[in-house]
Amino acid sequence: MTNEKQLDHLIEILYETALDPARWTEALGLMPENSKSITTLDLPGKLYNLSAAELRVASALLAGDSPEDYAMAAGVKMNTVRTRIKTLFYKTDTKKQLELVALLSKLPPLL
């Protein structure tokens, strides 16, 4: 099974278990040993249909960076970061940055 198919299967199991942490080990057992091409945010990316740009912002927020720090480091305007954060809120059905980070940090890492 390719990494993409395995990730899709993992997502299917997580949906079936309503993201029940007790069953994550079972789901993670499906991941290949050499899953280096799958990043920690691939799962939320797939679950919430996030773009690469949204994943970069989410990754920075999960790492504890402020939106302002990310904007400066990435060389993008603060308005762009705000727009991406608003889109993240919409796609994940969250309303605050803390809520977004809490949600994304609950998903199991894939590496």
PDB file of N, CA and C in Angstrom:
ATOM      1  N   MET A   1       0.848  -1.178   0.000  1.00  0.00           N
ATOM      2  CA  MET A   1       0.000   0.000   0.000  1.00  0.00           C
ATOM      3  C   MET A   1       0.898   1.247   0.000  1.00  0.00           C
ATOM      4  N   THR A   2       0.569   2.228  -0.794  1.00  0.00           N
ATOM      5  CA  THR A   2       1.365   3.460  -0.823  1.00  0.00           C
ATOM      6  C   THR A   2       1.080   4.290   0.421  1.00  0.00           C
ATOM      7  N   ASN A   3       1.976   5.227   0.697  1.00  0.00           N
ATOM      8  CA  ASN A   3       1.778   6.103   1.859  1.00  0.00           C
ATOM      9  C   ASN A   3       0.454   6.839   1.782  1.00  0.00           C
ATOM     10  N   GLU A   4       0.100   7.315   0.579  1.00  0.00           N
ATOM     11  CA  GLU A   4      -1.164   8.042   0.409  1.00  0.00           C
ATOM     12  C   GLU A   4      -2.355   7.148   0.740  1.00  0.00           C
ATOM     13  N   LYS A   5      -2.341   5.917   0.260  1.00  0.00           N
ATOM     14  CA  LYS A   5      -3.448   4.997   0.546  1.00  0.00           C
ATOM     15  C   LYS A   5      -3.489   4.651   2.030  1.00  0.00           C
ATOM     16  N   GLN A   6      -2.320   4.471   2.633  1.00  0.00           N
ATOM     17  CA  GLN A   6      -2.281   4.165   4.054  1.00  0.00           C
ATOM     18  C   GLN A   6      -2.792   5.342   4.873  1.00  0.00           C
ATOM     19  N   LEU A   7      -2.431   6.551   4.479  1.00  0.00           N
ATOM     20  CA  LEU A   7      -2.911   7.725   5.183  1.00  0.00           C
ATOM     21  C   LEU A   7      -4.426   7.843   5.041  1.00  0.00           C
ATOM     22  N   ASP A   8      -4.954   7.590   3.854  1.00  0.00           N
ATOM     23  CA  ASP A   8      -6.401   7.620   3.654  1.00  0.00           C
ATOM     24  C   ASP A   8      -7.087   6.581   4.537  1.00  0.00           C
ATOM     25  N   HIS A   9      -6.478   5.383   4.635  1.00  0.00           N
ATOM     26  CA  HIS A   9      -7.038   4.323   5.471  1.00  0.00           C
ATOM     27  C   HIS A   9      -6.993   4.725   6.948  1.00  0.00           C
ATOM     28  N   LEU A  10      -5.898   5.350   7.361  1.00  0.00           N
ATOM     29  CA  LEU A  10      -5.764   5.842   8.730  1.00  0.00           C
ATOM     30  C   LEU A  10      -6.860   6.855   9.035  1.00  0.00           C
ATOM     31  N   ILE A  11      -7.073   7.774   8.129  1.00  0.00           N
ATOM     32  CA  ILE A  11      -8.111   8.795   8.319  1.00  0.00           C
ATOM     33  C   ILE A  11      -9.482   8.146   8.427  1.00  0.00           C
ATOM     34  N   GLU A  12      -9.729   7.134   7.600  1.00  0.00           N
ATOM     35  CA  GLU A  12     -11.001   6.417   7.654  1.00  0.00           C
ATOM     36  C   GLU A  12     -11.209   5.787   9.038  1.00  0.00           C
ATOM     37  N   ILE A  13     -10.160   5.169   9.580  1.00  0.00           N
ATOM     38  CA  ILE A  13     -10.260   4.561  10.911  1.00  0.00           C
ATOM     39  C   ILE A  13     -10.503   5.625  11.968  1.00  0.00           C
ATOM     40  N   LEU A  14      -9.796   6.759  11.861  1.00  0.00           N
ATOM     41  CA  LEU A  14      -9.981   7.812  12.850  1.00  0.00           C
ATOM     42  C   LEU A  14     -11.388   8.383  12.798  1.00  0.00           C
ATOM     43  N   TYR A  15     -11.948   8.508  11.598  1.00  0.00           N
ATOM     44  CA  TYR A  15     -13.335   8.958  11.494  1.00  0.00           C
ATOM     45  C   TYR A  15     -14.273   7.940  12.139  1.00  0.00           C
ATOM     46  N   GLU A  16     -14.028   6.656  11.861  1.00  0.00           N
ATOM     47  CA  GLU A  16     -14.885   5.603  12.411  1.00  0.00           C
ATOM     48  C   GLU A  16     -14.835   5.572  13.929  1.00  0.00           C
ATOM     49  N   THR A  17     -13.710   5.887  14.495  1.00  0.00           N
ATOM     50  CA  THR A  17     -13.556   5.848  15.950  1.00  0.00           C
ATOM     51  C   THR A  17     -13.804   7.208  16.583  1.00  0.00           C
ATOM     52  N   ALA A  18     -14.284   8.147  15.797  1.00  0.00           N
ATOM     53  CA  ALA A  18     -14.556   9.515  16.273  1.00  0.00           C
ATOM     54  C   ALA A  18     -13.334  10.097  16.980  1.00  0.00           C
ATOM     55  N   LEU A  19     -12.169   9.830  16.400  1.00  0.00           N
ATOM     56  CA  LEU A  19     -10.903  10.309  16.940  1.00  0.00           C
ATOM     57  C   LEU A  19     -10.691   9.870  18.392  1.00  0.00           C
ATOM     58  N   ASP A  20     -11.142   8.659  18.708  1.00  0.00           N
ATOM     59  CA  ASP A  20     -10.988   8.089  20.041  1.00  0.00           C
ATOM     60  C   ASP A  20      -9.520   7.763  20.299  1.00  0.00           C
ATOM     61  N   PRO A  21      -8.853   8.485  21.211  1.00  0.00           N
ATOM     62  CA  PRO A  21      -7.426   8.262  21.449  1.00  0.00           C
ATOM     63  C   PRO A  21      -7.075   6.825  21.804  1.00  0.00           C
ATOM     64  N   ALA A  22      -8.003   6.097  22.414  1.00  0.00           N
ATOM     65  CA  ALA A  22      -7.732   4.710  22.784  1.00  0.00           C
ATOM     66  C   ALA A  22      -7.491   3.831  21.564  1.00  0.00           C
ATOM     67  N   ARG A  23      -7.987   4.242  20.395  1.00  0.00           N
ATOM     68  CA  ARG A  23      -7.820   3.438  19.178  1.00  0.00           C
ATOM     69  C   ARG A  23      -6.763   3.992  18.244  1.00  0.00           C
ATOM     70  N   TRP A  24      -6.098   5.088  18.625  1.00  0.00           N
ATOM     71  CA  TRP A  24      -5.075   5.673  17.761  1.00  0.00           C
ATOM     72  C   TRP A  24      -3.916   4.723  17.535  1.00  0.00           C
ATOM     73  N   THR A  25      -3.546   3.961  18.570  1.00  0.00           N
ATOM     74  CA  THR A  25      -2.439   3.032  18.429  1.00  0.00           C
ATOM     75  C   THR A  25      -2.750   2.023  17.331  1.00  0.00           C
ATOM     76  N   GLU A  26      -3.981   1.556  17.309  1.00  0.00           N
ATOM     77  CA  GLU A  26      -4.409   0.624  16.255  1.00  0.00           C
ATOM     78  C   GLU A  26      -4.253   1.274  14.890  1.00  0.00           C
ATOM     79  N   ALA A  27      -4.704   2.516  14.782  1.00  0.00           N
ATOM     80  CA  ALA A  27      -4.627   3.210  13.506  1.00  0.00           C
ATOM     81  C   ALA A  27      -3.183   3.478  13.113  1.00  0.00           C
ATOM     82  N   LEU A  28      -2.362   3.884  14.072  1.00  0.00           N
ATOM     83  CA  LEU A  28      -0.964   4.190  13.776  1.00  0.00           C
ATOM     84  C   LEU A  28      -0.179   2.947  13.406  1.00  0.00           C
ATOM     85  N   GLY A  29      -0.637   1.789  13.833  1.00  0.00           N
ATOM     86  CA  GLY A  29       0.003   0.542  13.450  1.00  0.00           C
ATOM     87  C   GLY A  29      -0.059   0.294  11.956  1.00  0.00           C
ATOM     88  N   LEU A  30      -0.924   0.991  11.269  1.00  0.00           N
ATOM     89  CA  LEU A  30      -1.054   0.849   9.818  1.00  0.00           C
ATOM     90  C   LEU A  30      -0.019   1.655   9.058  1.00  0.00           C
ATOM     91  N   MET A  31       0.679   2.542   9.758  1.00  0.00           N
ATOM     92  CA  MET A  31       1.650   3.392   9.082  1.00  0.00           C
ATOM     93  C   MET A  31       2.906   2.597   8.760  1.00  0.00           C
ATOM     94  N   PRO A  32       3.491   2.816   7.585  1.00  0.00           N
ATOM     95  CA  PRO A  32       4.698   2.096   7.208  1.00  0.00           C
ATOM     96  C   PRO A  32       5.894   2.543   8.045  1.00  0.00           C
ATOM     97  N   GLU A  33       6.867   1.653   8.173  1.00  0.00           N
ATOM     98  CA  GLU A  33       8.077   1.978   8.926  1.00  0.00           C
ATOM     99  C   GLU A  33       8.800   3.165   8.312  1.00  0.00           C
ATOM    100  N   ASN A  34       8.801   3.243   6.986  1.00  0.00           N
ATOM    101  CA  ASN A  34       9.533   4.302   6.280  1.00  0.00           C
ATOM    102  C   ASN A  34       8.592   5.425   5.872  1.00  0.00           C
ATOM    103  N   SER A  35       7.846   5.959   6.819  1.00  0.00           N
ATOM    104  CA  SER A  35       6.856   6.998   6.512  1.00  0.00           C
ATOM    105  C   SER A  35       7.447   8.394   6.633  1.00  0.00           C
ATOM    106  N   LYS A  36       8.708   8.553   6.303  1.00  0.00           N
ATOM    107  CA  LYS A  36       9.379   9.846   6.450  1.00  0.00           C
ATOM    108  C   LYS A  36       8.750  10.938   5.592  1.00  0.00           C
ATOM    109  N   SER A  37       8.068  10.560   4.508  1.00  0.00           N
ATOM    110  CA  SER A  37       7.472  11.584   3.653  1.00  0.00           C
ATOM    111  C   SER A  37       6.157  12.106   4.217  1.00  0.00           C
ATOM    112  N   ILE A  38       5.649  11.470   5.261  1.00  0.00           N
ATOM    113  CA  ILE A  38       4.410  11.910   5.889  1.00  0.00           C
ATOM    114  C   ILE A  38       4.780  12.783   7.074  1.00  0.00           C
ATOM    115  N   THR A  39       4.289  14.008   7.091  1.00  0.00           N
ATOM    116  CA  THR A  39       4.653  14.928   8.165  1.00  0.00           C
ATOM    117  C   THR A  39       3.606  14.908   9.263  1.00  0.00           C
ATOM    118  N   THR A  40       3.941  15.530  10.372  1.00  0.00           N
ATOM    119  CA  THR A  40       3.049  15.577  11.523  1.00  0.00           C
ATOM    120  C   THR A  40       1.706  16.204  11.165  1.00  0.00           C
ATOM    121  N   LEU A  41       1.696  17.164  10.260  1.00  0.00           N
ATOM    122  CA  LEU A  41       0.444  17.848   9.917  1.00  0.00           C
ATOM    123  C   LEU A  41      -0.271  17.268   8.702  1.00  0.00           C
ATOM    124  N   ASP A  42       0.207  16.155   8.155  1.00  0.00           N
ATOM    125  CA  ASP A  42      -0.515  15.549   7.040  1.00  0.00           C
ATOM    126  C   ASP A  42      -1.899  15.087   7.461  1.00  0.00           C
ATOM    127  N   LEU A  43      -2.029  14.546   8.669  1.00  0.00           N
ATOM    128  CA  LEU A  43      -3.333  14.065   9.122  1.00  0.00           C
ATOM    129  C   LEU A  43      -4.344  15.200   9.244  1.00  0.00           C
ATOM    130  N   PRO A  44      -4.040  16.277   9.993  1.00  0.00           N
ATOM    131  CA  PRO A  44      -5.015  17.373  10.020  1.00  0.00           C
ATOM    132  C   PRO A  44      -5.222  17.998   8.646  1.00  0.00           C
ATOM    133  N   GLY A  45      -4.175  18.003   7.847  1.00  0.00           N
ATOM    134  CA  GLY A  45      -4.307  18.534   6.492  1.00  0.00           C
ATOM    135  C   GLY A  45      -5.350  17.788   5.692  1.00  0.00           C
ATOM    136  N   LYS A  46      -5.306  16.475   5.802  1.00  0.00           N
ATOM    137  CA  LYS A  46      -6.295  15.642   5.103  1.00  0.00           C
ATOM    138  C   LYS A  46      -7.667  15.747   5.742  1.00  0.00           C
ATOM    139  N   LEU A  47      -7.708  15.686   7.073  1.00  0.00           N
ATOM    140  CA  LEU A  47      -9.001  15.724   7.765  1.00  0.00           C
ATOM    141  C   LEU A  47      -9.773  17.007   7.503  1.00  0.00           C
ATOM    142  N   TYR A  48      -9.045  18.123   7.428  1.00  0.00           N
ATOM    143  CA  TYR A  48      -9.699  19.423   7.313  1.00  0.00           C
ATOM    144  C   TYR A  48      -9.502  20.083   5.955  1.00  0.00           C
ATOM    145  N   ASN A  49      -8.915  19.357   5.010  1.00  0.00           N
ATOM    146  CA  ASN A  49      -8.707  19.865   3.659  1.00  0.00           C
ATOM    147  C   ASN A  49      -7.936  21.189   3.668  1.00  0.00           C
ATOM    148  N   LEU A  50      -6.796  21.189   4.361  1.00  0.00           N
ATOM    149  CA  LEU A  50      -5.989  22.400   4.489  1.00  0.00           C
ATOM    150  C   LEU A  50      -4.987  22.514   3.345  1.00  0.00           C
ATOM    151  N   SER A  51      -4.777  23.740   2.898  1.00  0.00           N
ATOM    152  CA  SER A  51      -3.790  24.007   1.849  1.00  0.00           C
ATOM    153  C   SER A  51      -2.388  23.980   2.455  1.00  0.00           C
ATOM    154  N   ALA A  52      -1.382  23.948   1.598  1.00  0.00           N
ATOM    155  CA  ALA A  52       0.008  23.967   2.061  1.00  0.00           C
ATOM    156  C   ALA A  52       0.291  25.246   2.855  1.00  0.00           C
ATOM    157  N   ALA A  53      -0.227  26.374   2.399  1.00  0.00           N
ATOM    158  CA  ALA A  53      -0.020  27.641   3.099  1.00  0.00           C
ATOM    159  C   ALA A  53      -0.685  27.611   4.476  1.00  0.00           C
ATOM    160  N   GLU A  54      -1.878  27.053   4.568  1.00  0.00           N
ATOM    161  CA  GLU A  54      -2.568  26.944   5.853  1.00  0.00           C
ATOM    162  C   GLU A  54      -1.813  26.010   6.790  1.00  0.00           C
ATOM    163  N   LEU A  55      -1.258  24.938   6.238  1.00  0.00           N
ATOM    164  CA  LEU A  55      -0.469  24.010   7.056  1.00  0.00           C
ATOM    165  C   LEU A  55       0.788  24.666   7.607  1.00  0.00           C
ATOM    166  N   ARG A  56       1.410  25.535   6.814  1.00  0.00           N
ATOM    167  CA  ARG A  56       2.607  26.238   7.305  1.00  0.00           C
ATOM    168  C   ARG A  56       2.260  27.157   8.470  1.00  0.00           C
ATOM    169  N   VAL A  57       1.147  27.859   8.359  1.00  0.00           N
ATOM    170  CA  VAL A  57       0.713  28.730   9.455  1.00  0.00           C
ATOM    171  C   VAL A  57       0.362  27.884  10.676  1.00  0.00           C
ATOM    172  N   ALA A  58      -0.376  26.802  10.469  1.00  0.00           N
ATOM    173  CA  ALA A  58      -0.750  25.912  11.575  1.00  0.00           C
ATOM    174  C   ALA A  58       0.487  25.350  12.259  1.00  0.00           C
ATOM    175  N   SER A  59       1.471  24.971  11.480  1.00  0.00           N
ATOM    176  CA  SER A  59       2.717  24.425  12.021  1.00  0.00           C
ATOM    177  C   SER A  59       3.421  25.456  12.894  1.00  0.00           C
ATOM    178  N   ALA A  60       3.453  26.686  12.438  1.00  0.00           N
ATOM    179  CA  ALA A  60       4.084  27.754  13.218  1.00  0.00           C
ATOM    180  C   ALA A  60       3.330  27.983  14.520  1.00  0.00           C
ATOM    181  N   LEU A  61       2.010  27.998  14.457  1.00  0.00           N
ATOM    182  CA  LEU A  61       1.210  28.198  15.666  1.00  0.00           C
ATOM    183  C   LEU A  61       1.424  27.046  16.646  1.00  0.00           C
ATOM    184  N   LEU A  62       1.481  25.821  16.128  1.00  0.00           N
ATOM    185  CA  LEU A  62       1.722  24.653  16.987  1.00  0.00           C
ATOM    186  C   LEU A  62       3.105  24.711  17.628  1.00  0.00           C
ATOM    187  N   ALA A  63       4.055  25.315  16.928  1.00  0.00           N
ATOM    188  CA  ALA A  63       5.421  25.442  17.462  1.00  0.00           C
ATOM    189  C   ALA A  63       5.527  26.578  18.474  1.00  0.00           C
ATOM    190  N   GLY A  64       4.439  27.322  18.670  1.00  0.00           N
ATOM    191  CA  GLY A  64       4.435  28.392  19.644  1.00  0.00           C
ATOM    192  C   GLY A  64       4.767  29.765  19.085  1.00  0.00           C
ATOM    193  N   ASP A  65       4.914  29.855  17.769  1.00  0.00           N
ATOM    194  CA  ASP A  65       5.191  31.157  17.156  1.00  0.00           C
ATOM    195  C   ASP A  65       3.925  32.001  17.124  1.00  0.00           C
ATOM    196  N   SER A  66       4.084  33.281  17.267  1.00  0.00           N
ATOM    197  CA  SER A  66       2.949  34.186  17.127  1.00  0.00           C
ATOM    198  C   SER A  66       2.699  34.399  15.636  1.00  0.00           C
ATOM    199  N   PRO A  67       1.499  34.835  15.276  1.00  0.00           N
ATOM    200  CA  PRO A  67       1.244  35.148  13.863  1.00  0.00           C
ATOM    201  C   PRO A  67       2.228  36.191  13.328  1.00  0.00           C
ATOM    202  N   GLU A  68       2.582  37.166  14.176  1.00  0.00           N
ATOM    203  CA  GLU A  68       3.522  38.207  13.757  1.00  0.00           C
ATOM    204  C   GLU A  68       4.901  37.614  13.478  1.00  0.00           C
ATOM    205  N   ASP A  69       5.357  36.715  14.354  1.00  0.00           N
ATOM    206  CA  ASP A  69       6.654  36.051  14.157  1.00  0.00           C
ATOM    207  C   ASP A  69       6.655  35.262  12.849  1.00  0.00           C
ATOM    208  N   TYR A  70       5.553  34.531  12.605  1.00  0.00           N
ATOM    209  CA  TYR A  70       5.468  33.748  11.375  1.00  0.00           C
ATOM    210  C   TYR A  70       5.513  34.659  10.155  1.00  0.00           C
ATOM    211  N   ALA A  71       4.761  35.747  10.181  1.00  0.00           N
ATOM    212  CA  ALA A  71       4.719  36.669   9.037  1.00  0.00           C
ATOM    213  C   ALA A  71       6.117  37.186   8.713  1.00  0.00           C
ATOM    214  N   MET A  72       6.853  37.576   9.739  1.00  0.00           N
ATOM    215  CA  MET A  72       8.208  38.096   9.515  1.00  0.00           C
ATOM    216  C   MET A  72       9.137  37.004   8.990  1.00  0.00           C
ATOM    217  N   ALA A  73       9.079  35.826   9.608  1.00  0.00           N
ATOM    218  CA  ALA A  73       9.961  34.731   9.208  1.00  0.00           C
ATOM    219  C   ALA A  73       9.653  34.241   7.794  1.00  0.00           C
ATOM    220  N   ALA A  74       8.375  34.222   7.439  1.00  0.00           N
ATOM    221  CA  ALA A  74       7.969  33.718   6.127  1.00  0.00           C
ATOM    222  C   ALA A  74       8.021  34.797   5.049  1.00  0.00           C
ATOM    223  N   GLY A  75       8.184  36.051   5.470  1.00  0.00           N
ATOM    224  CA  GLY A  75       8.240  37.133   4.496  1.00  0.00           C
ATOM    225  C   GLY A  75       6.899  37.426   3.841  1.00  0.00           C
ATOM    226  N   VAL A  76       5.822  37.246   4.635  1.00  0.00           N
ATOM    227  CA  VAL A  76       4.483  37.541   4.117  1.00  0.00           C
ATOM    228  C   VAL A  76       3.861  38.644   4.960  1.00  0.00           C
ATOM    229  N   LYS A  77       2.847  39.268   4.411  1.00  0.00           N
ATOM    230  CA  LYS A  77       2.168  40.354   5.125  1.00  0.00           C
ATOM    231  C   LYS A  77       1.294  39.781   6.235  1.00  0.00           C
ATOM    232  N   MET A  78       1.164  40.552   7.282  1.00  0.00           N
ATOM    233  CA  MET A  78       0.346  40.138   8.413  1.00  0.00           C
ATOM    234  C   MET A  78      -1.099  39.891   7.990  1.00  0.00           C
ATOM    235  N   ASN A  79      -1.590  40.657   7.042  1.00  0.00           N
ATOM    236  CA  ASN A  79      -2.950  40.464   6.548  1.00  0.00           C
ATOM    237  C   ASN A  79      -3.114  39.072   5.921  1.00  0.00           C
ATOM    238  N   THR A  80      -2.087  38.603   5.237  1.00  0.00           N
ATOM    239  CA  THR A  80      -2.117  37.264   4.630  1.00  0.00           C
ATOM    240  C   THR A  80      -2.220  36.208   5.720  1.00  0.00           C
ATOM    241  N   VAL A  81      -1.437  36.370   6.778  1.00  0.00           N
ATOM    242  CA  VAL A  81      -1.464  35.413   7.891  1.00  0.00           C
ATOM    243  C   VAL A  81      -2.835  35.434   8.563  1.00  0.00           C
ATOM    244  N   ARG A  82      -3.384  36.610   8.784  1.00  0.00           N
ATOM    245  CA  ARG A  82      -4.720  36.718   9.394  1.00  0.00           C
ATOM    246  C   ARG A  82      -5.771  35.993   8.548  1.00  0.00           C
ATOM    247  N   THR A  83      -5.682  36.171   7.236  1.00  0.00           N
ATOM    248  CA  THR A  83      -6.626  35.513   6.332  1.00  0.00           C
ATOM    249  C   THR A  83      -6.495  33.997   6.439  1.00  0.00           C
ATOM    250  N   ARG A  84      -5.266  33.502   6.486  1.00  0.00           N
ATOM    251  CA  ARG A  84      -5.048  32.055   6.592  1.00  0.00           C
ATOM    252  C   ARG A  84      -5.561  31.524   7.930  1.00  0.00           C
ATOM    253  N   ILE A  85      -5.367  32.287   8.982  1.00  0.00           N
ATOM    254  CA  ILE A  85      -5.863  31.865  10.294  1.00  0.00           C
ATOM    255  C   ILE A  85      -7.389  31.829  10.293  1.00  0.00           C
ATOM    256  N   LYS A  86      -8.021  32.825   9.692  1.00  0.00           N
ATOM    257  CA  LYS A  86      -9.490  32.830   9.594  1.00  0.00           C
ATOM    258  C   LYS A  86      -9.982  31.613   8.813  1.00  0.00           C
ATOM    259  N   THR A  87      -9.261  31.260   7.753  1.00  0.00           N
ATOM    260  CA  THR A  87      -9.630  30.085   6.964  1.00  0.00           C
ATOM    261  C   THR A  87      -9.445  28.819   7.794  1.00  0.00           C
ATOM    262  N   LEU A  88      -8.366  28.763   8.582  1.00  0.00           N
ATOM    263  CA  LEU A  88      -8.154  27.619   9.478  1.00  0.00           C
ATOM    264  C   LEU A  88      -9.300  27.505  10.476  1.00  0.00           C
ATOM    265  N   PHE A  89      -9.733  28.637  11.036  1.00  0.00           N
ATOM    266  CA  PHE A  89     -10.865  28.628  11.962  1.00  0.00           C
ATOM    267  C   PHE A  89     -12.101  28.052  11.280  1.00  0.00           C
ATOM    268  N   TYR A  90     -12.368  28.519  10.075  1.00  0.00           N
ATOM    269  CA  TYR A  90     -13.564  28.073   9.344  1.00  0.00           C
ATOM    270  C   TYR A  90     -13.492  26.568   9.064  1.00  0.00           C
ATOM    271  N   LYS A  91     -12.354  26.117   8.538  1.00  0.00           N
ATOM    272  CA  LYS A  91     -12.231  24.710   8.131  1.00  0.00           C
ATOM    273  C   LYS A  91     -12.227  23.754   9.321  1.00  0.00           C
ATOM    274  N   THR A  92     -11.748  24.211  10.464  1.00  0.00           N
ATOM    275  CA  THR A  92     -11.673  23.342  11.642  1.00  0.00           C
ATOM    276  C   THR A  92     -12.810  23.586  12.628  1.00  0.00           C
ATOM    277  N   ASP A  93     -13.687  24.497  12.294  1.00  0.00           N
ATOM    278  CA  ASP A  93     -14.824  24.854  13.145  1.00  0.00           C
ATOM    279  C   ASP A  93     -14.350  25.303  14.531  1.00  0.00           C
ATOM    280  N   THR A  94     -13.316  26.132  14.526  1.00  0.00           N
ATOM    281  CA  THR A  94     -12.823  26.733  15.759  1.00  0.00           C
ATOM    282  C   THR A  94     -13.011  28.246  15.669  1.00  0.00           C
ATOM    283  N   LYS A  95     -12.873  28.910  16.795  1.00  0.00           N
ATOM    284  CA  LYS A  95     -13.108  30.359  16.801  1.00  0.00           C
ATOM    285  C   LYS A  95     -11.938  31.166  17.347  1.00  0.00           C
ATOM    286  N   LYS A  96     -11.035  30.506  18.060  1.00  0.00           N
ATOM    287  CA  LYS A  96      -9.900  31.192  18.675  1.00  0.00           C
ATOM    288  C   LYS A  96      -8.621  30.436  18.365  1.00  0.00           C
ATOM    289  N   GLN A  97      -7.521  31.170  18.395  1.00  0.00           N
ATOM    290  CA  GLN A  97      -6.221  30.571  18.094  1.00  0.00           C
ATOM    291  C   GLN A  97      -5.895  29.450  19.083  1.00  0.00           C
ATOM    292  N   LEU A  98      -6.167  29.659  20.358  1.00  0.00           N
ATOM    293  CA  LEU A  98      -5.913  28.622  21.359  1.00  0.00           C
ATOM    294  C   LEU A  98      -6.725  27.367  21.084  1.00  0.00           C
ATOM    295  N   GLU A  99      -7.959  27.548  20.677  1.00  0.00           N
ATOM    296  CA  GLU A  99      -8.841  26.419  20.353  1.00  0.00           C
ATOM    297  C   GLU A  99      -8.300  25.659  19.146  1.00  0.00           C
ATOM    298  N   LEU A 100      -7.833  26.387  18.143  1.00  0.00           N
ATOM    299  CA  LEU A 100      -7.255  25.771  16.945  1.00  0.00           C
ATOM    300  C   LEU A 100      -6.018  24.949  17.303  1.00  0.00           C
ATOM    301  N   VAL A 101      -5.111  25.532  18.065  1.00  0.00           N
ATOM    302  CA  VAL A 101      -3.875  24.850  18.454  1.00  0.00           C
ATOM    303  C   VAL A 101      -4.203  23.619  19.302  1.00  0.00           C
ATOM    304  N   ALA A 102      -5.151  23.747  20.219  1.00  0.00           N
ATOM    305  CA  ALA A 102      -5.542  22.607  21.055  1.00  0.00           C
ATOM    306  C   ALA A 102      -6.080  21.466  20.200  1.00  0.00           C
ATOM    307  N   LEU A 103      -6.915  21.795  19.235  1.00  0.00           N
ATOM    308  CA  LEU A 103      -7.488  20.772  18.349  1.00  0.00           C
ATOM    309  C   LEU A 103      -6.394  20.068  17.557  1.00  0.00           C
ATOM    310  N   LEU A 104      -5.536  20.828  16.920  1.00  0.00           N
ATOM    311  CA  LEU A 104      -4.500  20.237  16.083  1.00  0.00           C
ATOM    312  C   LEU A 104      -3.476  19.461  16.904  1.00  0.00           C
ATOM    313  N   SER A 105      -3.235  19.891  18.122  1.00  0.00           N
ATOM    314  CA  SER A 105      -2.234  19.200  18.943  1.00  0.00           C
ATOM    315  C   SER A 105      -2.776  17.877  19.498  1.00  0.00           C
ATOM    316  N   LYS A 106      -4.079  17.664  19.466  1.00  0.00           N
ATOM    317  CA  LYS A 106      -4.664  16.409  19.942  1.00  0.00           C
ATOM    318  C   LYS A 106      -4.534  15.288  18.932  1.00  0.00           C
ATOM    319  N   LEU A 107      -4.332  15.637  17.668  1.00  0.00           N
ATOM    320  CA  LEU A 107      -4.188  14.605  16.650  1.00  0.00           C
ATOM    321  C   LEU A 107      -2.839  13.935  16.806  1.00  0.00           C
ATOM    322  N   PRO A 108      -2.775  12.635  16.582  1.00  0.00           N
ATOM    323  CA  PRO A 108      -1.507  11.929  16.787  1.00  0.00           C
ATOM    324  C   PRO A 108      -0.477  12.302  15.738  1.00  0.00           C
ATOM    325  N   PRO A 109       0.784  12.463  16.148  1.00  0.00           N
ATOM    326  CA  PRO A 109       1.832  12.705  15.149  1.00  0.00           C
ATOM    327  C   PRO A 109       2.065  11.447  14.334  1.00  0.00           C
ATOM    328  N   LEU A 110       2.506  11.609  13.111  1.00  0.00           N
ATOM    329  CA  LEU A 110       2.692  10.461  12.238  1.00  0.00           C
ATOM    330  C   LEU A 110       4.138  10.078  12.038  1.00  0.00           C
ATOM    331  N   LEU A 111       5.054  10.767  12.677  1.00  0.00           N
ATOM    332  CA  LEU A 111       6.473  10.424  12.526  1.00  0.00           C
ATOM    333  C   LEU A 111       6.991   9.725  13.754  1.00  0.00           C
TER     334      LEU A 111
END
